[in-house]
Amino acid sequence: QVQLVESGGGLVQAGGSLRLSCAASGRTFSSNTMGWFRQAPGKERELVARIHWNGRDTAYSDFVKGRFTISRDNAKNTVYLQMNSLRPEDTAVYLCAADSTAYAFSRLPQQYEYWGQGTQVTVSS
């Protein structure tokens, strides 16, 4: 059974930091792009960051550029999201996902096949 399990969320004050982890089990995703998405109440799911299977190429949405860093450790089958300078508008459930297609670099939620349950991030002002 394939599982993606996020951890590391919580409550933090504006300007603070959190590090999210996403551990995969059941299969390896070393050939797949991994993405972090977020979804706030009443809003659509949006891509936060993605990292290519090679671990070198990354892409960020404008609203997190310069503040968030995505990384991966294929040996541990784990993806990370370091979040710095957090803002109240970053409050959301953060989910990790695995691209459906090996060696692709997809950016749309529907292009990701496996999803975690999410971890809540709440930033207070």
Protein backbone atom coordinates (compact mmCIF):
# COMPACT_ATOMS: atom_id res chain seq x y z
CA GLN A 1 0.00 0.00 0.00
CA VAL A 2 1.43 3.35 -1.07
CA GLN A 3 1.37 6.03 1.59
CA LEU A 4 2.57 9.59 1.87
CA VAL A 5 2.63 10.88 5.44
CA GLU A 6 3.24 14.53 6.23
CA SER A 7 4.50 15.83 9.54
CA GLY A 8 5.90 19.01 11.05
CA GLY A 9 2.90 21.31 10.92
CA GLY A 10 1.72 23.36 13.85
CA LEU A 11 1.02 26.82 15.22
CA VAL A 12 3.67 29.48 14.77
CA GLN A 13 3.81 33.25 15.06
CA ALA A 14 4.25 35.44 12.02
CA GLY A 15 7.90 35.58 11.06
CA GLY A 16 8.57 32.12 12.43
CA SER A 17 9.66 28.91 10.71
CA LEU A 18 8.49 25.35 10.28
CA ARG A 19 9.93 22.36 8.50
CA LEU A 20 7.51 19.92 6.94
CA SER A 21 8.43 16.35 6.06
CA CYS A 22 6.70 13.88 3.76
CA ALA A 23 7.69 10.25 4.12
CA ALA A 24 6.70 7.81 1.40
CA SER A 25 6.24 4.09 1.84
CA GLY A 26 5.02 1.23 -0.31
CA ARG A 27 7.09 2.23 -3.33
CA THR A 28 9.95 4.50 -4.27
CA PHE A 29 9.37 7.88 -5.91
CA SER A 30 12.97 8.51 -6.89
CA SER A 31 11.88 8.87 -10.55
CA ASN A 32 8.97 11.20 -9.82
CA THR A 33 8.63 14.87 -9.19
CA MET A 34 7.31 15.57 -5.71
CA GLY A 35 5.17 18.57 -4.91
CA TRP A 36 3.91 20.46 -1.89
CA PHE A 37 0.44 21.92 -2.23
CA ARG A 38 -1.73 23.82 0.19
CA GLN A 39 -5.42 24.36 0.67
CA ALA A 40 -7.06 26.97 2.86
CA PRO A 41 -10.75 26.81 3.82
CA GLY A 42 -12.96 27.86 0.94
CA LYS A 43 -10.03 28.08 -1.47
CA GLU A 44 -8.73 25.87 -4.23
CA ARG A 45 -5.73 23.66 -3.77
CA GLU A 46 -2.61 25.46 -5.00
CA LEU A 47 0.92 24.40 -5.77
CA VAL A 48 3.50 25.71 -3.35
CA ALA A 49 6.69 24.09 -4.65
CA ARG A 50 7.89 21.10 -6.64
CA ILE A 51 11.16 19.29 -6.94
CA HIS A 52 12.30 17.29 -9.92
CA TRP A 53 13.23 13.63 -9.55
CA ASN A 54 16.88 14.68 -10.01
CA GLY A 55 16.74 16.68 -6.80
CA ARG A 56 18.31 19.73 -8.44
CA ASP A 57 15.51 21.42 -10.35
CA THR A 58 12.89 23.17 -8.28
CA ALA A 59 10.06 25.60 -8.86
CA TYR A 60 8.13 27.83 -6.48
CA SER A 61 4.94 29.78 -6.62
CA ASP A 62 5.49 33.53 -6.44
CA PHE A 63 3.90 33.84 -3.03
CA VAL A 64 6.61 31.69 -1.37
CA LYS A 65 9.70 32.53 -3.42
CA GLY A 66 12.60 33.49 -1.23
CA ARG A 67 10.88 32.16 1.89
CA PHE A 68 10.33 28.43 1.31
CA THR A 69 12.80 25.76 0.21
CA ILE A 70 11.90 22.30 -1.05
CA SER A 71 14.37 19.43 -0.89
CA ARG A 72 14.36 15.66 -1.09
CA ASP A 73 16.34 12.68 0.13
CA ASN A 74 15.70 9.81 -2.25
CA ALA A 75 17.58 7.38 -0.01
CA LYS A 76 14.99 8.07 2.69
CA ASN A 77 12.09 8.44 0.24
CA THR A 78 11.33 11.75 1.94
CA VAL A 79 10.60 15.29 0.78
CA TYR A 80 10.95 18.41 2.90
CA LEU A 81 9.60 21.93 2.88
CA GLN A 82 11.49 24.50 4.93
CA MET A 83 9.21 27.45 5.54
CA ASN A 84 10.71 30.71 6.82
CA SER A 85 9.26 34.19 7.37
CA LEU A 86 5.80 32.72 7.69
CA ARG A 87 2.80 34.99 7.24
CA PRO A 88 -0.81 34.63 8.40
CA GLU A 89 -1.84 34.11 4.78
CA ASP A 90 0.30 30.95 4.71
CA THR A 91 -2.24 29.31 7.03
CA ALA A 92 -3.55 26.18 5.30
CA VAL A 93 -3.41 22.41 5.19
CA TYR A 94 -0.19 21.44 3.44
CA LEU A 95 -0.16 18.26 1.38
CA CYS A 96 2.59 16.45 -0.42
CA ALA A 97 2.01 14.57 -3.65
CA ALA A 98 3.82 12.46 -6.20
CA ASP A 99 3.69 13.16 -9.93
CA SER A 100 1.80 10.51 -11.88
CA THR A 101 4.39 10.37 -14.66
CA ALA A 102 7.99 9.36 -14.11
CA TYR A 103 10.53 12.00 -15.15
CA ALA A 104 7.84 14.65 -15.68
CA PHE A 105 7.82 18.02 -13.87
CA SER A 106 4.12 18.66 -13.50
CA ARG A 107 2.50 21.67 -11.86
CA LEU A 108 -1.23 20.90 -11.82
CA PRO A 109 -2.90 18.97 -8.96
CA GLN A 110 -4.63 16.62 -11.40
CA GLN A 111 -1.22 15.52 -12.67
CA TYR A 112 -0.32 14.13 -9.26
CA GLU A 113 -1.50 10.65 -8.41
CA TYR A 114 -0.52 9.97 -4.80
CA TRP A 115 -1.44 12.32 -1.99
CA GLY A 116 -0.85 12.53 1.72
CA GLN A 117 -3.55 13.43 4.23
CA GLY A 118 -2.02 16.82 4.94
CA THR A 119 -0.64 18.68 7.94
CA GLN A 120 -2.14 21.88 9.34
CA VAL A 121 -0.02 25.01 9.40
CA THR A 122 -1.43 27.96 11.32
CA VAL A 123 0.37 31.29 11.43
CA SER A 124 -0.82 33.80 13.99
CA SER A 125 -0.38 37.55 13.59
